[in-house]
Amino acid sequence: MRLYSDVMKDKVVVINSFFASCNASCPAMSKSLAALQSRFADRLGRDLVLVSITVDPEHDTPAKLRAYAQRWQARRGWYFLTGSKANVDAALKKLGQYVEEPSAHMNIIVIGNERTGLWKKAFGLAPSDELAKVVESVLNDRG
């Protein structure tokens, strides 16, 4: 799967970085993304996608991410991505989410409208209603 052409192109994306064994902020951010997938269920997988990219690709195998996704009842349109360390690091660097150590990951969610070029950042631990307002503003951007 290619991040840009298969996941992001012509969509609004909500992107967070995480790692599956995190017991600190990752579960809270995943809970917020789960709330967003419910709130925007009619658009999820069509013009809106949620993208969770691991900051620990050496340990977060596809099987671990599948189990993590099931834990959060992720639906079609919420992607949990891993890959080679080089590819994941390159993607995270482009998104401003790269960290040396998994535990240093950012609690920032990046929301972007690839069609219009509008990109915003939001605090990933904010209440899900506040995150939904930011997502809505990016979804409704007409450029």
C-alpha atoms as a PDB file:
ATOM      1  CA  MET A   1       0.000   0.000   0.000  1.00  0.00           C
ATOM      2  CA  ARG A   2       1.308   3.422  -0.931  1.00  0.00           C
ATOM      3  CA  LEU A   3       0.535   6.188   1.554  1.00  0.00           C
ATOM      4  CA  TYR A   4      -0.191   8.937  -0.937  1.00  0.00           C
ATOM      5  CA  SER A   5      -1.779   7.243  -3.938  1.00  0.00           C
ATOM      6  CA  ASP A   6      -3.662   4.485  -2.088  1.00  0.00           C
ATOM      7  CA  VAL A   7      -4.709   6.292   1.083  1.00  0.00           C
ATOM      8  CA  MET A   8      -4.469  10.087   0.887  1.00  0.00           C
ATOM      9  CA  LYS A   9      -5.086  11.140  -2.711  1.00  0.00           C
ATOM     10  CA  ASP A  10      -8.284  13.186  -3.168  1.00  0.00           C
ATOM     11  CA  LYS A  11      -9.318  12.653   0.462  1.00  0.00           C
ATOM     12  CA  VAL A  12      -9.456  14.405   3.774  1.00  0.00           C
ATOM     13  CA  VAL A  13      -7.066  12.611   6.105  1.00  0.00           C
ATOM     14  CA  VAL A  14      -6.837  12.505   9.870  1.00  0.00           C
ATOM     15  CA  ILE A  15      -3.357  11.249  10.750  1.00  0.00           C
ATOM     16  CA  ASN A  16      -1.854  10.314  14.076  1.00  0.00           C
ATOM     17  CA  SER A  17       1.330   8.556  15.077  1.00  0.00           C
ATOM     18  CA  PHE A  18       1.269   5.869  17.746  1.00  0.00           C
ATOM     19  CA  PHE A  19       2.682   2.509  18.740  1.00  0.00           C
ATOM     20  CA  ALA A  20       0.691  -0.547  19.729  1.00  0.00           C
ATOM     21  CA  SER A  21       2.370  -1.211  23.085  1.00  0.00           C
ATOM     22  CA  CYS A  22       1.930   2.400  24.295  1.00  0.00           C
ATOM     23  CA  ASN A  23       0.049   2.670  27.577  1.00  0.00           C
ATOM     24  CA  ALA A  24       0.152   6.439  27.865  1.00  0.00           C
ATOM     25  CA  SER A  25      -1.420   8.813  25.323  1.00  0.00           C
ATOM     26  CA  CYS A  26      -1.970   6.371  22.430  1.00  0.00           C
ATOM     27  CA  PRO A  27      -5.105   4.738  23.880  1.00  0.00           C
ATOM     28  CA  ALA A  28      -6.644   8.175  24.508  1.00  0.00           C
ATOM     29  CA  MET A  29      -5.926   9.289  20.933  1.00  0.00           C
ATOM     30  CA  SER A  30      -7.257   5.998  19.557  1.00  0.00           C
ATOM     31  CA  LYS A  31     -10.431   6.479  21.591  1.00  0.00           C
ATOM     32  CA  SER A  32     -10.848   9.920  20.004  1.00  0.00           C
ATOM     33  CA  LEU A  33     -10.316   8.485  16.523  1.00  0.00           C
ATOM     34  CA  ALA A  34     -12.894   5.789  17.292  1.00  0.00           C
ATOM     35  CA  ALA A  35     -15.341   8.566  18.223  1.00  0.00           C
ATOM     36  CA  LEU A  36     -14.514  10.377  14.963  1.00  0.00           C
ATOM     37  CA  GLN A  37     -15.160   7.242  12.915  1.00  0.00           C
ATOM     38  CA  SER A  38     -18.631   7.019  14.472  1.00  0.00           C
ATOM     39  CA  ARG A  39     -19.375  10.708  14.061  1.00  0.00           C
ATOM     40  CA  PHE A  40     -18.336  10.718  10.380  1.00  0.00           C
ATOM     41  CA  ALA A  41     -19.468   7.162   9.566  1.00  0.00           C
ATOM     42  CA  ASP A  42     -21.284   8.269   6.395  1.00  0.00           C
ATOM     43  CA  ARG A  43     -18.056   9.734   4.955  1.00  0.00           C
ATOM     44  CA  LEU A  44     -15.460   7.335   6.365  1.00  0.00           C
ATOM     45  CA  GLY A  45     -13.680   5.415   3.631  1.00  0.00           C
ATOM     46  CA  ARG A  46     -15.129   7.618   0.917  1.00  0.00           C
ATOM     47  CA  ASP A  47     -13.855  11.183   1.201  1.00  0.00           C
ATOM     48  CA  LEU A  48     -12.494  10.883   4.753  1.00  0.00           C
ATOM     49  CA  VAL A  49      -9.895   8.437   6.044  1.00  0.00           C
ATOM     50  CA  LEU A  50      -8.253   7.968   9.409  1.00  0.00           C
ATOM     51  CA  VAL A  51      -4.597   6.990   9.296  1.00  0.00           C
ATOM     52  CA  SER A  52      -2.656   5.722  12.298  1.00  0.00           C
ATOM     53  CA  ILE A  53       1.030   5.312  11.506  1.00  0.00           C
ATOM     54  CA  THR A  54       3.256   3.404  13.886  1.00  0.00           C
ATOM     55  CA  VAL A  55       6.423   5.049  15.169  1.00  0.00           C
ATOM     56  CA  ASP A  56       7.709   1.559  16.021  1.00  0.00           C
ATOM     57  CA  PRO A  57       7.691  -0.367  12.720  1.00  0.00           C
ATOM     58  CA  GLU A  58      10.309  -2.832  13.964  1.00  0.00           C
ATOM     59  CA  HIS A  59       7.859  -4.201  16.559  1.00  0.00           C
ATOM     60  CA  ASP A  60       4.438  -3.247  15.167  1.00  0.00           C
ATOM     61  CA  THR A  61       3.891  -6.009  12.652  1.00  0.00           C
ATOM     62  CA  PRO A  62       0.788  -6.155  10.462  1.00  0.00           C
ATOM     63  CA  ALA A  63      -0.629  -8.800  12.842  1.00  0.00           C
ATOM     64  CA  LYS A  64      -0.079  -6.556  15.883  1.00  0.00           C
ATOM     65  CA  LEU A  65      -1.703  -3.628  14.106  1.00  0.00           C
ATOM     66  CA  ARG A  66      -4.652  -5.798  13.045  1.00  0.00           C
ATOM     67  CA  ALA A  67      -5.191  -6.776  16.699  1.00  0.00           C
ATOM     68  CA  TYR A  68      -4.856  -3.129  17.755  1.00  0.00           C
ATOM     69  CA  ALA A  69      -7.406  -2.078  15.127  1.00  0.00           C
ATOM     70  CA  GLN A  70      -9.837  -4.739  16.358  1.00  0.00           C
ATOM     71  CA  ARG A  71      -9.419  -3.453  19.910  1.00  0.00           C
ATOM     72  CA  TRP A  72     -10.727  -0.075  18.721  1.00  0.00           C
ATOM     73  CA  GLN A  73     -13.374  -1.593  16.437  1.00  0.00           C
ATOM     74  CA  ALA A  74     -11.818   0.162  13.456  1.00  0.00           C
ATOM     75  CA  ARG A  75     -14.039   0.190  10.391  1.00  0.00           C
ATOM     76  CA  ARG A  76     -13.246   0.369   6.711  1.00  0.00           C
ATOM     77  CA  GLY A  77     -11.542   3.704   6.162  1.00  0.00           C
ATOM     78  CA  TRP A  78      -9.361   3.650   9.280  1.00  0.00           C
ATOM     79  CA  TYR A  79      -5.895   2.463   8.300  1.00  0.00           C
ATOM     80  CA  PHE A  80      -3.174   1.258  10.654  1.00  0.00           C
ATOM     81  CA  LEU A  81       0.103   1.473   8.788  1.00  0.00           C
ATOM     82  CA  THR A  82       3.532  -0.015   9.239  1.00  0.00           C
ATOM     83  CA  GLY A  83       6.303  -0.982   6.860  1.00  0.00           C
ATOM     84  CA  SER A  84      10.037  -0.969   6.620  1.00  0.00           C
ATOM     85  CA  LYS A  85      11.686   1.390   9.095  1.00  0.00           C
ATOM     86  CA  ALA A  86      13.089   3.459   6.209  1.00  0.00           C
ATOM     87  CA  ASN A  87       9.662   3.886   4.551  1.00  0.00           C
ATOM     88  CA  VAL A  88       7.822   4.614   7.783  1.00  0.00           C
ATOM     89  CA  ASP A  89      10.482   7.100   8.923  1.00  0.00           C
ATOM     90  CA  ALA A  90      10.322   8.881   5.548  1.00  0.00           C
ATOM     91  CA  ALA A  91       6.524   9.176   5.747  1.00  0.00           C
ATOM     92  CA  LEU A  92       6.641  10.410   9.343  1.00  0.00           C
ATOM     93  CA  LYS A  93       9.290  12.989   8.441  1.00  0.00           C
ATOM     94  CA  LYS A  94       7.127  14.363   5.620  1.00  0.00           C
ATOM     95  CA  LEU A  95       4.208  14.658   8.047  1.00  0.00           C
ATOM     96  CA  GLY A  96       6.310  16.271  10.787  1.00  0.00           C
ATOM     97  CA  GLN A  97       5.714  13.254  13.052  1.00  0.00           C
ATOM     98  CA  TYR A  98       9.132  11.550  13.055  1.00  0.00           C
ATOM     99  CA  VAL A  99      10.738  10.740  16.419  1.00  0.00           C
ATOM    100  CA  GLU A 100      13.889   8.844  17.378  1.00  0.00           C
ATOM    101  CA  GLU A 101      12.206   6.838  20.147  1.00  0.00           C
ATOM    102  CA  PRO A 102       8.617   5.538  20.028  1.00  0.00           C
ATOM    103  CA  SER A 103       7.857   6.898  23.504  1.00  0.00           C
ATOM    104  CA  ALA A 104       8.690  10.411  22.233  1.00  0.00           C
ATOM    105  CA  HIS A 105       5.859  10.407  19.673  1.00  0.00           C
ATOM    106  CA  MET A 106       3.772  13.531  19.400  1.00  0.00           C
ATOM    107  CA  ASN A 107       0.228  13.930  20.636  1.00  0.00           C
ATOM    108  CA  ILE A 108      -0.624  15.921  17.537  1.00  0.00           C
ATOM    109  CA  ILE A 109      -3.200  14.904  14.968  1.00  0.00           C
ATOM    110  CA  VAL A 110      -2.708  16.213  11.447  1.00  0.00           C
ATOM    111  CA  ILE A 111      -5.873  16.891   9.454  1.00  0.00           C
ATOM    112  CA  GLY A 112      -5.485  17.624   5.778  1.00  0.00           C
ATOM    113  CA  ASN A 113      -7.644  18.169   2.735  1.00  0.00           C
ATOM    114  CA  GLU A 114      -5.464  16.859  -0.056  1.00  0.00           C
ATOM    115  CA  ARG A 115      -7.736  18.319  -2.756  1.00  0.00           C
ATOM    116  CA  THR A 116      -7.726  21.910  -1.446  1.00  0.00           C
ATOM    117  CA  GLY A 117      -4.346  21.984   0.284  1.00  0.00           C
ATOM    118  CA  LEU A 118      -5.752  22.975   3.696  1.00  0.00           C
ATOM    119  CA  TRP A 119      -3.807  21.346   6.544  1.00  0.00           C
ATOM    120  CA  LYS A 120      -4.373  21.824  10.256  1.00  0.00           C
ATOM    121  CA  LYS A 121      -2.951  20.348  13.425  1.00  0.00           C
ATOM    122  CA  ALA A 122      -4.902  19.561  16.562  1.00  0.00           C
ATOM    123  CA  PHE A 123      -3.980  18.413  20.033  1.00  0.00           C
ATOM    124  CA  GLY A 124      -4.634  14.679  19.979  1.00  0.00           C
ATOM    125  CA  LEU A 125      -5.752  14.591  23.607  1.00  0.00           C
ATOM    126  CA  ALA A 126      -8.412  17.260  23.130  1.00  0.00           C
ATOM    127  CA  PRO A 127     -12.030  16.190  23.658  1.00  0.00           C
ATOM    128  CA  SER A 128     -13.345  14.339  20.614  1.00  0.00           C
ATOM    129  CA  ASP A 129     -16.047  17.006  20.084  1.00  0.00           C
ATOM    130  CA  GLU A 130     -13.312  19.618  19.653  1.00  0.00           C
ATOM    131  CA  LEU A 131     -11.388  17.370  17.262  1.00  0.00           C
ATOM    132  CA  ALA A 132     -14.585  16.791  15.297  1.00  0.00           C
ATOM    133  CA  LYS A 133     -14.970  20.561  14.782  1.00  0.00           C
ATOM    134  CA  VAL A 134     -11.484  20.760  13.266  1.00  0.00           C
ATOM    135  CA  VAL A 135     -12.157  17.729  11.052  1.00  0.00           C
ATOM    136  CA  GLU A 136     -15.466  19.245   9.957  1.00  0.00           C
ATOM    137  CA  SER A 137     -13.788  22.542   9.031  1.00  0.00           C
ATOM    138  CA  VAL A 138     -11.258  20.707   6.862  1.00  0.00           C
ATOM    139  CA  LEU A 139     -13.935  18.460   5.323  1.00  0.00           C
ATOM    140  CA  ASN A 140     -16.014  21.511   4.419  1.00  0.00           C
ATOM    141  CA  ASP A 141     -13.117  23.463   2.883  1.00  0.00           C
ATOM    142  CA  ARG A 142     -13.750  24.176  -0.768  1.00  0.00           C
ATOM    143  CA  GLY A 143     -10.390  25.807  -1.422  1.00  0.00           C
END
